């Protein structure tokens, strides 16, 4: 080594000889660092994947929890709606039963008036069915059977009870009792038998009306309409005529004859202004018209 101006000067040969030695010393460290880099990178990537998987799992768990909560809430809402529907159905049945009871009670009072004081106003039977004023009832002609035997009851409803009734008032009561009990099919059969026995009797208009009502309640609208028409044709001034005209309109609506129903309900309003049946007809007519607009 030569020293010049206070600074050592390396021998070129010495420097050249040292370079291979330094390279050989650094090469293992370099190779070691290069070999460790992929492993570190792979470890870092694996950790990131695991974190991502955990995040996905956590999100799925939260989503499942939210879905379960929603299902639970929907089940609770459904149970509440079912309870509400059952309550409304029960209330509707109670209202229907109350209206039916009031209707039947009214007819029962009319029936008691009829049975206590003879035929009510407007319920007079045809002239041929009533004796002359002050005259005693004529006995049946020789060879003529009794009234109940003239037309034995057909086998409708409780035919035995109808046959045992013996007189018009009792026979009517048998049929009307079935109606009050809600046995509408039986009541219809009994009223049919009654009308066969007493086609022109004092209670015939009432029997026609309640026969139609029995059919109407069971949604046999055509048969109901036929009975109401028969009442209106034979007894146009009877107390049951306004109700029969109203029920005829409702039966026509039940049959889907909307135009005919509206015409009949208008007729009720015009013929019986200010009456209960007129108000009911007006309400139903309004409901029909609103339904058509919708």
Protein backbone atom coordinates (compact mmCIF):
# COMPACT_ATOMS: atom_id res chain seq x y z
CA UNK A 1 0.00 0.00 0.00
CA UNK A 2 1.49 3.39 -1.02
CA UNK A 3 0.77 6.48 1.04
CA UNK A 4 0.64 9.81 -0.74
CA UNK A 5 -0.17 13.22 0.75
CA UNK A 6 -1.24 11.67 4.01
CA UNK A 7 -3.88 9.34 2.40
CA UNK A 8 -3.28 5.61 1.81
CA UNK A 9 -3.41 4.50 -1.77
CA UNK A 10 -4.72 0.95 -2.29
CA UNK A 11 -2.78 -1.31 -4.52
CA UNK A 12 -4.86 -2.10 -7.60
CA UNK A 13 -3.91 -5.70 -7.37
CA UNK A 14 -5.04 -5.85 -3.78
CA UNK A 15 -8.41 -4.32 -4.63
CA UNK A 16 -8.95 -6.75 -7.49
CA UNK A 17 -8.11 -9.68 -5.28
CA UNK A 18 -10.56 -8.60 -2.54
CA UNK A 19 -13.64 -8.18 -4.76
CA UNK A 20 -14.30 -11.92 -5.30
CA UNK A 21 -13.91 -12.54 -1.61
CA UNK A 22 -16.48 -9.88 -0.66
CA UNK A 23 -18.90 -11.14 -3.28
CA UNK A 24 -18.65 -14.66 -1.94
CA UNK A 25 -19.30 -13.38 1.55
CA UNK A 26 -22.41 -11.35 0.53
CA UNK A 27 -23.91 -13.95 -1.78
CA UNK A 28 -25.33 -16.28 0.93
CA UNK A 29 -27.01 -13.38 2.73
CA UNK A 30 -28.49 -12.17 -0.53
CA UNK A 31 -29.78 -15.63 -1.40
CA UNK A 32 -31.22 -16.05 2.09
CA UNK A 33 -33.14 -12.78 1.85
CA UNK A 34 -34.46 -13.66 -1.58
CA UNK A 35 -35.65 -17.05 -0.37
CA UNK A 36 -37.47 -15.62 2.64
CA UNK A 37 -39.41 -13.00 0.63
CA UNK A 38 -41.87 -15.44 -1.08
CA UNK A 39 -42.62 -17.19 2.21
CA UNK A 40 -43.36 -13.88 3.89
CA UNK A 41 -45.53 -12.81 1.00
CA UNK A 42 -47.40 -16.10 1.03
CA UNK A 43 -47.96 -15.82 4.76
CA UNK A 44 -49.29 -12.30 4.35
CA UNK A 45 -51.68 -13.41 1.56
CA UNK A 46 -52.92 -16.36 3.62
CA UNK A 47 -53.65 -14.10 6.57
CA UNK A 48 -55.60 -11.69 4.37
CA UNK A 49 -57.68 -14.56 2.99
CA UNK A 50 -58.49 -15.78 6.48
CA UNK A 51 -59.54 -12.29 7.54
CA UNK A 52 -61.74 -11.95 4.45
CA UNK A 53 -63.34 -15.35 5.11
CA UNK A 54 -64.07 -14.38 8.70
CA UNK A 55 -65.65 -11.13 7.53
CA UNK A 56 -67.87 -13.01 5.05
CA UNK A 57 -68.87 -15.47 7.75
CA UNK A 58 -69.68 -12.65 10.14
CA UNK A 59 -71.76 -10.90 7.49
CA UNK A 60 -73.62 -14.13 6.72
CA UNK A 61 -74.29 -14.69 10.40
CA UNK A 62 -75.66 -11.17 10.77
CA UNK A 63 -77.79 -11.60 7.65
CA UNK A 64 -79.16 -14.88 8.97
CA UNK A 65 -79.90 -13.25 12.30
CA UNK A 66 -81.73 -10.38 10.60
CA UNK A 67 -83.68 -12.83 8.44
CA UNK A 68 -84.64 -14.89 11.47
CA UNK A 69 -85.82 -11.75 13.26
CA UNK A 70 -87.90 -10.75 10.25
CA UNK A 71 -89.48 -14.20 10.04
CA UNK A 72 -90.28 -14.10 13.75
CA UNK A 73 -91.87 -10.67 13.38
CA UNK A 74 -93.90 -11.82 10.37
CA UNK A 75 -95.16 -14.81 12.31
CA UNK A 76 -96.22 -12.55 15.16
CA UNK A 77 -97.98 -10.20 12.74
CA UNK A 78 -99.74 -13.15 11.08
CA UNK A 79 -100.91 -14.48 14.44
CA UNK A 80 -102.20 -11.02 15.34
CA UNK A 81 -104.06 -10.73 12.02
CA UNK A 82 -105.61 -14.15 12.50
CA UNK A 83 -106.81 -13.11 15.92
CA UNK A 84 -108.28 -9.93 14.49
CA UNK A 85 -110.05 -11.83 11.70
CA UNK A 86 -111.51 -14.32 14.18
CA UNK A 87 -112.70 -11.47 16.38
CA UNK A 88 -114.32 -9.69 13.43
CA UNK A 89 -115.96 -12.91 12.29
CA UNK A 90 -117.33 -13.48 15.77
CA UNK A 91 -118.64 -9.92 15.99
CA UNK A 92 -120.20 -10.26 12.55
CA UNK A 93 -121.97 -13.46 13.58
CA UNK A 94 -123.22 -11.77 16.73
CA UNK A 95 -124.57 -8.83 14.72
CA UNK A 96 -126.25 -11.16 12.26
CA UNK A 97 -127.79 -13.16 15.08
CA UNK A 98 -128.95 -9.98 16.82
CA UNK A 99 -130.57 -8.68 13.64
CA UNK A 100 -132.16 -12.06 13.04
CA UNK A 101 -133.50 -12.19 16.59
CA UNK A 102 -134.96 -8.69 16.27
CA UNK A 103 -136.55 -9.58 12.98
CA UNK A 104 -138.06 -12.76 14.34
CA UNK A 105 -139.20 -11.04 17.52
CA UNK A 106 -141.06 -8.46 15.45
CA UNK A 107 -142.81 -11.13 13.44
CA UNK A 108 -143.60 -13.00 16.64
CA UNK A 109 -145.32 -9.95 18.07
CA UNK A 110 -147.28 -9.55 14.86
CA UNK A 111 -148.21 -13.20 15.07
CA UNK A 112 -149.43 -12.80 18.64
CA UNK A 113 -151.55 -9.83 17.59
CA UNK A 114 -152.98 -11.84 14.75
CA UNK A 115 -153.73 -14.81 16.97
CA UNK A 116 -155.21 -12.65 19.74
CA UNK A 117 -157.38 -10.32 17.72
CA UNK A 118 -157.91 -12.00 14.42
CA UNK A 119 -156.23 -10.93 11.22
CA UNK A 120 -154.16 -7.77 11.40
CA UNK A 121 -154.89 -4.85 9.15
CA UNK A 122 -154.02 -5.72 5.62
CA UNK A 123 -153.87 -9.44 6.43
CA UNK A 124 -157.50 -10.24 5.74
CA UNK A 125 -157.94 -13.49 3.91
CA UNK A 126 -159.98 -13.65 0.73
CA UNK A 127 -163.75 -13.26 1.15
CA UNK A 128 -164.32 -16.92 0.45
CA UNK A 129 -162.14 -17.84 3.43
CA UNK A 130 -164.06 -15.79 6.03
CA UNK A 131 -167.64 -16.24 7.27
CA UNK A 132 -170.16 -13.44 6.93
CA UNK A 133 -170.34 -10.88 9.73
CA UNK A 134 -172.33 -12.20 12.68
CA UNK A 135 -172.82 -15.59 11.10
CA UNK A 136 -171.66 -18.76 12.70
CA UNK A 137 -169.11 -20.85 10.92
CA UNK A 138 -170.95 -23.30 8.73
CA UNK A 139 -170.26 -26.95 9.42
CA UNK A 140 -168.60 -28.89 6.65
CA UNK A 141 -170.93 -30.18 4.01
CA UNK A 142 -171.97 -33.78 4.20
CA UNK A 143 -169.26 -36.01 2.91
CA UNK A 144 -166.69 -33.21 2.98
CA UNK A 145 -163.61 -33.99 5.08
CA UNK A 146 -162.24 -31.63 7.69
CA UNK A 147 -159.87 -28.83 6.65
CA UNK A 148 -156.76 -30.68 7.80
CA UNK A 149 -157.86 -33.77 5.92
CA UNK A 150 -158.59 -31.94 2.68
CA UNK A 151 -154.92 -31.47 1.92
CA UNK A 152 -152.73 -33.66 4.12
CA UNK A 153 -149.28 -32.22 4.65
CA UNK A 154 -146.63 -33.30 2.25
CA UNK A 155 -143.54 -34.92 3.70
CA UNK A 156 -141.59 -31.70 4.28
CA UNK A 157 -139.63 -30.92 7.41
CA UNK A 158 -141.28 -32.38 10.49
CA UNK A 159 -144.39 -33.57 8.69
CA UNK A 160 -145.67 -35.31 11.79
CA UNK A 161 -145.60 -32.09 13.80
CA UNK A 162 -147.35 -30.22 10.99
CA UNK A 163 -150.01 -32.92 10.69
CA UNK A 164 -150.60 -32.92 14.42
CA UNK A 165 -150.99 -29.14 14.54
CA UNK A 166 -154.66 -29.48 13.74
CA UNK A 167 -155.32 -25.79 13.03
CA UNK A 168 -153.75 -22.99 11.03
CA UNK A 169 -152.36 -20.98 13.93
CA UNK A 170 -150.64 -23.98 15.51
CA UNK A 171 -149.29 -25.17 12.16
CA UNK A 172 -147.85 -21.72 11.49
CA UNK A 173 -146.24 -21.74 14.93
CA UNK A 174 -144.54 -25.06 14.22
CA UNK A 175 -142.90 -23.65 11.08
CA UNK A 176 -142.07 -20.36 12.73
CA UNK A 177 -140.42 -22.12 15.68
CA UNK A 178 -138.08 -23.88 13.26
CA UNK A 179 -137.20 -20.51 11.75
CA UNK A 180 -136.47 -19.00 15.17
CA UNK A 181 -134.12 -21.88 15.95
CA UNK A 182 -132.16 -21.18 12.77
CA UNK A 183 -133.21 -24.46 11.12
CA UNK A 184 -133.78 -22.72 7.81
CA UNK A 185 -134.02 -25.79 5.60
CA UNK A 186 -136.52 -27.37 7.97
CA UNK A 187 -138.42 -24.09 8.25
CA UNK A 188 -138.64 -23.82 4.46
CA UNK A 189 -140.09 -27.31 4.24
CA UNK A 190 -142.56 -26.63 7.04
CA UNK A 191 -143.74 -23.34 5.54
CA UNK A 192 -144.17 -25.14 2.21
CA UNK A 193 -146.35 -27.73 3.92
CA UNK A 194 -148.28 -24.98 5.68
CA UNK A 195 -149.05 -23.23 2.39
CA UNK A 196 -150.22 -26.50 0.90
CA UNK A 197 -152.57 -26.96 3.85
CA UNK A 198 -153.75 -23.33 4.08
CA UNK A 199 -153.11 -21.65 0.71
CA UNK A 200 -155.63 -18.89 1.50
CA UNK A 201 -155.30 -18.85 5.26
CA UNK A 202 -154.87 -15.82 7.47
CA UNK A 203 -151.19 -16.63 7.95
CA UNK A 204 -150.52 -17.40 4.28
CA UNK A 205 -148.90 -13.98 3.57
CA UNK A 206 -146.61 -14.34 6.58
CA UNK A 207 -145.79 -17.90 5.58
CA UNK A 208 -144.89 -16.77 2.06
CA UNK A 209 -142.66 -14.05 3.44
CA UNK A 210 -140.81 -16.30 5.88
CA UNK A 211 -140.52 -19.04 3.30
CA UNK A 212 -138.77 -16.54 1.05
CA UNK A 213 -136.63 -15.42 3.99
CA UNK A 214 -135.64 -19.03 4.71
CA UNK A 215 -134.47 -19.40 1.13
CA UNK A 216 -132.74 -16.01 1.17
CA UNK A 217 -130.71 -16.77 4.31
CA UNK A 218 -129.44 -19.99 2.72
CA UNK A 219 -128.55 -18.02 -0.46
CA UNK A 220 -131.19 -19.80 -2.56
CA UNK A 221 -131.94 -16.46 -4.16
CA UNK A 222 -134.11 -17.67 -7.04
CA UNK A 223 -136.51 -19.56 -4.76
CA UNK A 224 -136.55 -16.59 -2.39
CA UNK A 225 -137.42 -14.20 -5.21
CA UNK A 226 -140.26 -16.49 -6.32
CA UNK A 227 -141.86 -16.41 -2.86
CA UNK A 228 -141.55 -12.64 -2.52
CA UNK A 229 -143.12 -12.17 -5.97
CA UNK A 230 -145.97 -14.48 -5.02
CA UNK A 231 -146.64 -12.47 -1.87
CA UNK A 232 -146.61 -9.17 -3.76
CA UNK A 233 -148.90 -10.57 -6.43
CA UNK A 234 -151.46 -12.09 -4.08
CA UNK A 235 -151.27 -9.66 -1.14
CA UNK A 236 -150.02 -6.29 -2.46
CA UNK A 237 -151.44 -4.35 0.53
CA UNK A 238 -150.33 -6.72 3.27
CA UNK A 239 -148.00 -5.54 6.03
CA UNK A 240 -145.33 -7.88 4.67
CA UNK A 241 -145.48 -6.39 1.17
CA UNK A 242 -142.90 -3.60 1.78
CA UNK A 243 -140.42 -6.05 3.25
CA UNK A 244 -141.10 -8.52 0.47
CA UNK A 245 -140.36 -5.87 -2.17
CA UNK A 246 -137.13 -4.96 -0.41
CA UNK A 247 -136.07 -8.59 -0.13
CA UNK A 248 -136.96 -9.16 -3.77
CA UNK A 249 -134.46 -6.47 -4.72
CA UNK A 250 -131.80 -8.01 -2.50
CA UNK A 251 -132.47 -11.47 -3.94
CA UNK A 252 -132.13 -10.06 -7.46
CA UNK A 253 -128.79 -8.58 -6.48
CA UNK A 254 -127.75 -11.96 -5.07
CA UNK A 255 -128.58 -13.47 -8.46
CA UNK A 256 -126.31 -10.93 -10.13
CA UNK A 257 -129.21 -9.04 -11.72
CA UNK A 258 -127.85 -5.67 -10.69
CA UNK A 259 -130.04 -3.51 -12.93
CA UNK A 260 -133.22 -5.28 -11.85
CA UNK A 261 -132.15 -5.00 -8.22
CA UNK A 262 -131.60 -1.25 -8.52
CA UNK A 263 -134.99 -0.81 -10.18
CA UNK A 264 -136.73 -2.77 -7.41
CA UNK A 265 -134.94 -0.85 -4.66
CA UNK A 266 -135.92 2.43 -6.30
CA UNK A 267 -139.50 1.16 -6.32
CA UNK A 268 -139.30 0.52 -2.57
CA UNK A 269 -138.13 4.10 -1.96
CA UNK A 270 -140.90 5.54 -4.14
CA UNK A 271 -143.76 3.40 -2.81
CA UNK A 272 -142.85 3.56 0.89
CA UNK A 273 -141.12 6.94 1.43
CA UNK A 274 -139.85 7.63 4.92
CA UNK A 275 -140.28 4.03 6.06
CA UNK A 276 -137.61 1.74 7.48
CA UNK A 277 -137.63 -0.39 4.34
CA UNK A 278 -137.16 2.74 2.21
CA UNK A 279 -134.13 3.78 4.26
CA UNK A 280 -132.69 0.28 4.03
CA UNK A 281 -133.32 0.22 0.27
CA UNK A 282 -131.61 3.59 -0.10
CA UNK A 283 -128.56 2.37 1.84
CA UNK A 284 -128.29 -0.81 -0.22
CA UNK A 285 -128.81 1.09 -3.45
CA UNK A 286 -126.00 3.46 -2.50
CA UNK A 287 -123.74 0.51 -1.68
CA UNK A 288 -124.44 -1.08 -5.05
CA UNK A 289 -123.72 2.16 -6.90
CA UNK A 290 -120.48 2.72 -4.98
CA UNK A 291 -119.45 -0.84 -5.75
CA UNK A 292 -120.02 -0.25 -9.46
CA UNK A 293 -117.90 2.91 -9.39
CA UNK A 294 -115.03 1.00 -7.80
